[in-house]
Structure formats: C-alpha cells, structure tokens
Protein backbone atom coordinates (compact mmCIF):
# COMPACT_ATOMS: atom_id res chain seq x y z
CA MET A 1 0.00 0.00 0.00
CA ILE A 2 1.27 3.45 -0.82
CA GLY A 3 1.96 5.54 2.25
CA GLU A 4 2.06 2.61 4.65
CA LYS A 5 4.85 3.12 7.17
CA ILE A 6 6.52 0.01 8.54
CA PRO A 7 8.57 0.32 11.73
CA VAL A 8 11.92 -1.48 11.57
CA GLN A 9 15.19 -1.65 13.45
CA ILE A 10 18.38 -0.77 11.57
CA TYR A 11 21.56 -1.05 13.58
CA ASN A 12 19.65 -0.74 16.86
CA ARG A 13 17.82 2.36 15.65
CA SER A 14 14.06 2.49 15.13
CA VAL A 15 12.91 3.95 11.83
CA GLU A 16 9.70 3.93 9.84
CA ILE A 17 10.02 2.93 6.20
CA ASP A 18 7.49 3.82 3.51
CA ALA A 19 6.72 0.35 2.14
CA GLU A 20 5.82 1.39 -1.45
CA GLY A 21 4.53 -2.00 -2.53
CA LEU A 22 6.72 -4.11 -0.26
CA THR A 23 5.38 -6.39 2.41
CA PRO A 24 6.41 -5.88 6.04
CA LEU A 25 8.42 -9.08 5.77
CA GLU A 26 10.34 -7.73 2.76
CA VAL A 27 10.99 -4.39 4.47
CA ASN A 28 12.27 -6.16 7.58
CA ALA A 29 14.51 -8.40 5.46
CA LEU A 30 16.01 -5.32 3.78
CA ALA A 31 16.52 -3.61 7.13
CA ASN A 32 18.23 -6.73 8.48
CA TYR A 33 20.48 -6.86 5.43
CA VAL A 34 21.57 -3.25 5.96
CA THR A 35 22.18 -3.94 9.65
CA GLU A 36 24.32 -6.98 8.83
CA LYS A 37 26.37 -4.96 6.33
CA MET A 38 26.93 -2.26 8.93
CA LYS A 39 28.03 -4.86 11.50
CA GLU A 40 30.41 -6.48 8.99
CA ILE A 41 32.00 -3.13 8.22
CA GLU A 42 32.22 -2.26 11.91
CA ALA A 43 34.01 -5.54 12.61
CA GLN A 44 36.45 -4.98 9.74
CA THR A 45 37.18 -1.29 10.32
CA LYS A 46 36.46 -0.73 14.03
CA ILE A 47 34.46 2.38 13.05
CA VAL A 48 31.74 3.04 15.62
CA ASP A 49 30.07 6.11 14.08
CA SER A 50 26.74 4.79 12.81
CA GLY A 51 26.52 7.53 10.15
CA LYS A 52 29.86 6.52 8.66
CA LEU A 53 28.90 2.86 8.87
CA ALA A 54 25.61 3.58 7.09
CA MET A 55 27.43 5.40 4.26
CA LEU A 56 29.98 2.61 3.89
CA ALA A 57 27.19 0.02 3.92
CA ALA A 58 25.36 1.99 1.21
CA ILE A 59 28.51 2.07 -0.94
CA ASN A 60 29.07 -1.64 -0.35
CA ILE A 61 25.48 -2.51 -1.30
CA ALA A 62 25.65 -0.23 -4.36
CA ASP A 63 28.82 -2.06 -5.44
CA GLU A 64 27.00 -5.39 -5.08
CA LEU A 65 24.14 -4.04 -7.18
CA PHE A 66 26.46 -2.76 -9.93
CA ASN A 67 28.28 -6.11 -10.04
CA LEU A 68 24.98 -7.98 -10.33
CA LYS A 69 23.89 -5.68 -13.16
CA LYS A 70 27.17 -6.32 -14.99
CA GLN A 71 26.72 -10.07 -14.56
CA LYS A 72 23.16 -9.86 -15.85
CA GLU A 73 24.28 -7.90 -18.92
CA THR A 74 27.08 -10.40 -19.58
CA TYR A 75 24.79 -13.41 -19.23
CA SER A 76 22.11 -11.72 -21.33
CA HIS A 77 24.64 -11.06 -24.08
CA LEU A 78 25.87 -14.67 -23.90
CA ASP A 79 22.30 -15.96 -24.06
CA GLU A 80 21.61 -13.83 -27.13
CA LYS A 81 24.79 -15.09 -28.78
CA LYS A 82 23.92 -18.73 -28.06
CA LEU A 83 20.37 -18.21 -29.34
CA GLU A 84 21.71 -16.66 -32.53
CA GLU A 85 24.10 -19.60 -33.01
CA PHE A 86 21.25 -22.04 -32.42
CA LEU A 87 19.04 -20.26 -34.96
CA ASN A 88 21.84 -20.27 -37.54
CA THR A 89 22.39 -23.99 -37.00
CA LEU A 90 18.67 -24.64 -37.26
CA GLN A 91 18.38 -22.58 -40.45
CA SER A 92 21.31 -24.43 -41.99
CA ALA A 93 19.77 -27.78 -41.08
CA LEU A 94 16.42 -26.76 -42.59
CA LYS A 95 18.10 -25.63 -45.84
CA GLU A 96 19.88 -28.98 -46.13
CA ALA A 97 16.64 -30.88 -45.58
C-alpha cells in the first residue's frame, strides 16, 4: 500500500520505512540486510560512528548491485549469442533438408 509506514530496526535504531509495494516481511529483510552490512564493516574497520557505517554500507550494497547488473548484462549477451548460433544452426539444417 502506498503511504504505509513500517517500523523497523536498523543497527539498533528504530525507523519507519514507507513500504511502497513491499510487504512488512520484505521491508524487515532489507533492514536486516543493511544492519548486517553495517556490523560487517564495523568488525572490519572498528568504526563506531553509525553515520559513517551507514554510508559505507550503502557504498558496499551499491557495489554489489552494480556487479549484479554487470553479470546480468554479460549473461544476457551470452544468451543472445547462443540463441543466434542455435538459430543459424537450425536454419542451416532446414536448408539442407
């Protein structure tokens, strides 16, 4: 539902998230993911400032997203290439028949 606010905990801080089509379960899963990223970065860097941790987590998650997009583009291109090869093989076989 548009405008529905869902209360969640992110890094021991209560916030309300505008769901925008997400279920409460999905919003909580996202909040938990951000919290885990912040905890990972805290453990690696010993930074305790939650604002800095949040920014580093955002950069880390954005990097994950960009890498997934690159992978998707690569696989999509490979799929198109394989499909084109298959069609060429099929056309050749039909011409011979």
